[in-house]
Amino acid sequence: MLQNNIIGEVNIPEDMFKKNIVEYGDILFQRSSETREEVGQSNVYLDKHNPATFGGFVIRGKKVEEYNPLFLNYLLKTSHSRKEVTSKSGGSTRYNIGQETLSNIEIFTPSLTEQAKIANFFSLG
């Protein structure tokens, strides 16, 4: 996801922008959905030059370990990763997932070198 792909624009005070800043490599998760299959869908912010901000219907994940953001963007969209997220969502008419639940989901990643190779491969197609 790049800044110029974001639909809509709002003006907010600078302190609020800094508090909710989204920078290269941050992960954004959809907090709720009408269907279990769509809850927790994610995108990794891939714009290296233009920070953005997020709103209340999104959960932002900040880097705590090194990873290749492009690789992680692909990984979080795999059926295995999606099943890990959707199986832990709750609700009946509206499905939700929280930050604490997301932080307890484990995904396994290869070395940074392998992540780069995989990301480059998927970028070709």
C-alpha atoms as a PDB file:
ATOM      1  CA  MET A   1       0.000   0.000   0.000  1.00  0.00           C
ATOM      2  CA  LEU A   2       1.326   3.416  -0.996  1.00  0.00           C
ATOM      3  CA  GLN A   3       0.051   6.800   0.142  1.00  0.00           C
ATOM      4  CA  ASN A   4      -1.322   7.715  -3.309  1.00  0.00           C
ATOM      5  CA  ASN A   5      -3.506   4.540  -3.201  1.00  0.00           C
ATOM      6  CA  ILE A   6      -5.334   5.698  -0.068  1.00  0.00           C
ATOM      7  CA  ILE A   7      -8.839   6.936  -0.775  1.00  0.00           C
ATOM      8  CA  GLY A   8      -9.915  10.032   1.109  1.00  0.00           C
ATOM      9  CA  GLU A   9      -8.049  12.709   2.937  1.00  0.00           C
ATOM     10  CA  VAL A  10      -8.606  14.465   6.252  1.00  0.00           C
ATOM     11  CA  ASN A  11      -6.906  17.345   8.000  1.00  0.00           C
ATOM     12  CA  ILE A  12      -5.907  16.607  11.579  1.00  0.00           C
ATOM     13  CA  PRO A  13      -3.709  18.374  14.123  1.00  0.00           C
ATOM     14  CA  GLU A  14       0.020  17.542  13.935  1.00  0.00           C
ATOM     15  CA  ASP A  15       0.085  15.911  17.387  1.00  0.00           C
ATOM     16  CA  MET A  16      -2.741  13.543  16.406  1.00  0.00           C
ATOM     17  CA  PHE A  17      -0.967  12.726  13.139  1.00  0.00           C
ATOM     18  CA  LYS A  18       2.237  11.854  15.022  1.00  0.00           C
ATOM     19  CA  LYS A  19       0.313   9.689  17.506  1.00  0.00           C
ATOM     20  CA  ASN A  20      -1.359   7.715  14.698  1.00  0.00           C
ATOM     21  CA  ILE A  21       1.457   7.782  12.158  1.00  0.00           C
ATOM     22  CA  VAL A  22       1.805   4.928   9.690  1.00  0.00           C
ATOM     23  CA  GLU A  23       5.304   4.464   8.320  1.00  0.00           C
ATOM     24  CA  TYR A  24       7.067   2.099   5.938  1.00  0.00           C
ATOM     25  CA  GLY A  25       6.700  -1.471   7.173  1.00  0.00           C
ATOM     26  CA  ASP A  26       3.767  -0.867   9.528  1.00  0.00           C
ATOM     27  CA  ILE A  27       0.943  -3.390   9.256  1.00  0.00           C
ATOM     28  CA  LEU A  28      -2.707  -2.337   9.100  1.00  0.00           C
ATOM     29  CA  PHE A  29      -5.439  -4.808  10.058  1.00  0.00           C
ATOM     30  CA  GLN A  30      -9.176  -4.460   9.448  1.00  0.00           C
ATOM     31  CA  ARG A  31     -10.729  -4.528  12.918  1.00  0.00           C
ATOM     32  CA  SER A  32     -14.239  -5.776  12.018  1.00  0.00           C
ATOM     33  CA  SER A  33     -16.340  -7.131   9.181  1.00  0.00           C
ATOM     34  CA  GLU A  34     -19.773  -8.555   8.460  1.00  0.00           C
ATOM     35  CA  THR A  35     -18.129 -11.845   7.464  1.00  0.00           C
ATOM     36  CA  ARG A  36     -15.533 -13.910   9.293  1.00  0.00           C
ATOM     37  CA  GLU A  37     -13.537 -14.297   6.069  1.00  0.00           C
ATOM     38  CA  GLU A  38     -12.853 -10.552   5.849  1.00  0.00           C
ATOM     39  CA  VAL A  39     -12.061  -9.706   9.465  1.00  0.00           C
ATOM     40  CA  GLY A  40      -8.386  -8.978  10.091  1.00  0.00           C
ATOM     41  CA  GLN A  41      -7.473  -8.475   6.452  1.00  0.00           C
ATOM     42  CA  SER A  42      -4.135  -6.745   6.313  1.00  0.00           C
ATOM     43  CA  ASN A  43      -1.847  -4.553   4.299  1.00  0.00           C
ATOM     44  CA  VAL A  44       1.723  -3.560   4.947  1.00  0.00           C
ATOM     45  CA  TYR A  45       2.437   0.104   4.326  1.00  0.00           C
ATOM     46  CA  LEU A  46       5.092   0.190   1.596  1.00  0.00           C
ATOM     47  CA  ASP A  47       5.569   3.915   0.995  1.00  0.00           C
ATOM     48  CA  LYS A  48       9.129   4.766   2.058  1.00  0.00           C
ATOM     49  CA  HIS A  49       8.751   8.534   1.611  1.00  0.00           C
ATOM     50  CA  ASN A  50       5.258   9.584   2.709  1.00  0.00           C
ATOM     51  CA  PRO A  51       3.886   8.698   6.129  1.00  0.00           C
ATOM     52  CA  ALA A  52       0.125   8.414   6.562  1.00  0.00           C
ATOM     53  CA  THR A  53      -2.289   8.086   9.465  1.00  0.00           C
ATOM     54  CA  PHE A  54      -5.004   5.586  10.397  1.00  0.00           C
ATOM     55  CA  GLY A  55      -8.480   5.684  11.870  1.00  0.00           C
ATOM     56  CA  GLY A  56     -10.529   3.751  14.414  1.00  0.00           C
ATOM     57  CA  PHE A  57     -11.601   0.846  12.209  1.00  0.00           C
ATOM     58  CA  VAL A  58      -7.990  -0.216  11.721  1.00  0.00           C
ATOM     59  CA  ILE A  59      -5.381  -1.740  14.007  1.00  0.00           C
ATOM     60  CA  ARG A  60      -1.809  -0.622  13.373  1.00  0.00           C
ATOM     61  CA  GLY A  61       1.073  -2.968  14.015  1.00  0.00           C
ATOM     62  CA  LYS A  62       4.551  -1.460  14.473  1.00  0.00           C
ATOM     63  CA  LYS A  63       7.795  -3.336  13.863  1.00  0.00           C
ATOM     64  CA  VAL A  64       9.189  -5.173  16.861  1.00  0.00           C
ATOM     65  CA  GLU A  65      11.569  -7.374  14.853  1.00  0.00           C
ATOM     66  CA  GLU A  66      13.266  -7.011  11.495  1.00  0.00           C
ATOM     67  CA  TYR A  67      11.330  -8.286   8.493  1.00  0.00           C
ATOM     68  CA  ASN A  68      11.035  -7.583   4.804  1.00  0.00           C
ATOM     69  CA  PRO A  69       7.787  -5.566   4.526  1.00  0.00           C
ATOM     70  CA  LEU A  70       7.012  -6.771   0.990  1.00  0.00           C
ATOM     71  CA  PHE A  71       7.488 -10.406   2.058  1.00  0.00           C
ATOM     72  CA  LEU A  72       5.271  -9.895   5.104  1.00  0.00           C
ATOM     73  CA  ASN A  73       2.575  -8.316   2.939  1.00  0.00           C
ATOM     74  CA  TYR A  74       2.474 -11.504   0.832  1.00  0.00           C
ATOM     75  CA  LEU A  75       2.715 -13.800   3.865  1.00  0.00           C
ATOM     76  CA  LEU A  76      -0.227 -12.199   5.685  1.00  0.00           C
ATOM     77  CA  LYS A  77      -2.447 -12.848   2.657  1.00  0.00           C
ATOM     78  CA  THR A  78      -1.742 -16.603   2.476  1.00  0.00           C
ATOM     79  CA  SER A  79      -4.520 -19.017   3.391  1.00  0.00           C
ATOM     80  CA  HIS A  80      -2.552 -20.234   6.435  1.00  0.00           C
ATOM     81  CA  SER A  81      -2.089 -16.715   7.835  1.00  0.00           C
ATOM     82  CA  ARG A  82      -5.679 -15.750   7.083  1.00  0.00           C
ATOM     83  CA  LYS A  83      -6.937 -18.893   8.861  1.00  0.00           C
ATOM     84  CA  GLU A  84      -4.840 -18.018  11.927  1.00  0.00           C
ATOM     85  CA  VAL A  85      -6.512 -14.598  12.085  1.00  0.00           C
ATOM     86  CA  THR A  86     -10.096 -15.496  11.189  1.00  0.00           C
ATOM     87  CA  SER A  87     -10.234 -18.501  13.520  1.00  0.00           C
ATOM     88  CA  LYS A  88      -9.563 -16.202  16.467  1.00  0.00           C
ATOM     89  CA  SER A  89     -12.143 -13.561  15.564  1.00  0.00           C
ATOM     90  CA  GLY A  90     -15.380 -13.307  17.500  1.00  0.00           C
ATOM     91  CA  GLY A  91     -18.918 -12.219  16.798  1.00  0.00           C
ATOM     92  CA  SER A  92     -22.182 -13.325  15.240  1.00  0.00           C
ATOM     93  CA  THR A  93     -23.645 -10.525  13.098  1.00  0.00           C
ATOM     94  CA  ARG A  94     -20.370  -8.598  12.996  1.00  0.00           C
ATOM     95  CA  TYR A  95     -16.966 -10.247  13.412  1.00  0.00           C
ATOM     96  CA  ASN A  96     -14.207  -8.486  15.319  1.00  0.00           C
ATOM     97  CA  ILE A  97     -10.587  -8.988  16.208  1.00  0.00           C
ATOM     98  CA  GLY A  98      -8.602  -6.999  18.730  1.00  0.00           C
ATOM     99  CA  GLN A  99      -5.021  -5.903  19.072  1.00  0.00           C
ATOM    100  CA  GLU A 100      -4.326  -8.315  21.933  1.00  0.00           C
ATOM    101  CA  THR A 101      -5.608 -11.280  19.903  1.00  0.00           C
ATOM    102  CA  LEU A 102      -3.539 -10.256  16.884  1.00  0.00           C
ATOM    103  CA  SER A 103      -0.416  -9.897  19.018  1.00  0.00           C
ATOM    104  CA  ASN A 104      -0.791 -13.529  20.154  1.00  0.00           C
ATOM    105  CA  ILE A 105      -0.889 -14.959  16.621  1.00  0.00           C
ATOM    106  CA  GLU A 106       2.376 -16.600  15.639  1.00  0.00           C
ATOM    107  CA  ILE A 107       3.653 -16.626  12.106  1.00  0.00           C
ATOM    108  CA  PHE A 108       6.938 -18.154  11.134  1.00  0.00           C
ATOM    109  CA  THR A 109       9.319 -16.394   8.796  1.00  0.00           C
ATOM    110  CA  PRO A 110      12.550 -17.447   7.133  1.00  0.00           C
ATOM    111  CA  SER A 111      15.784 -15.447   7.322  1.00  0.00           C
ATOM    112  CA  LEU A 112      15.824 -11.880   5.977  1.00  0.00           C
ATOM    113  CA  THR A 113      17.817 -13.108   2.957  1.00  0.00           C
ATOM    114  CA  GLU A 114      15.155 -15.702   2.149  1.00  0.00           C
ATOM    115  CA  GLN A 115      12.374 -13.173   2.746  1.00  0.00           C
ATOM    116  CA  ALA A 116      13.985 -10.858   0.172  1.00  0.00           C
ATOM    117  CA  LYS A 117      14.275 -13.681  -2.378  1.00  0.00           C
ATOM    118  CA  ILE A 118      10.637 -14.684  -1.897  1.00  0.00           C
ATOM    119  CA  ALA A 119       9.413 -11.064  -2.066  1.00  0.00           C
ATOM    120  CA  ASN A 120      11.408 -10.475  -5.252  1.00  0.00           C
ATOM    121  CA  PHE A 121       9.959 -13.642  -6.805  1.00  0.00           C
ATOM    122  CA  PHE A 122       6.351 -12.650  -6.063  1.00  0.00           C
ATOM    123  CA  SER A 123       7.035  -9.096  -7.257  1.00  0.00           C
ATOM    124  CA  LEU A 124       7.848 -10.409 -10.734  1.00  0.00           C
ATOM    125  CA  GLY A 125       4.315 -11.660 -11.350  1.00  0.00           C
END
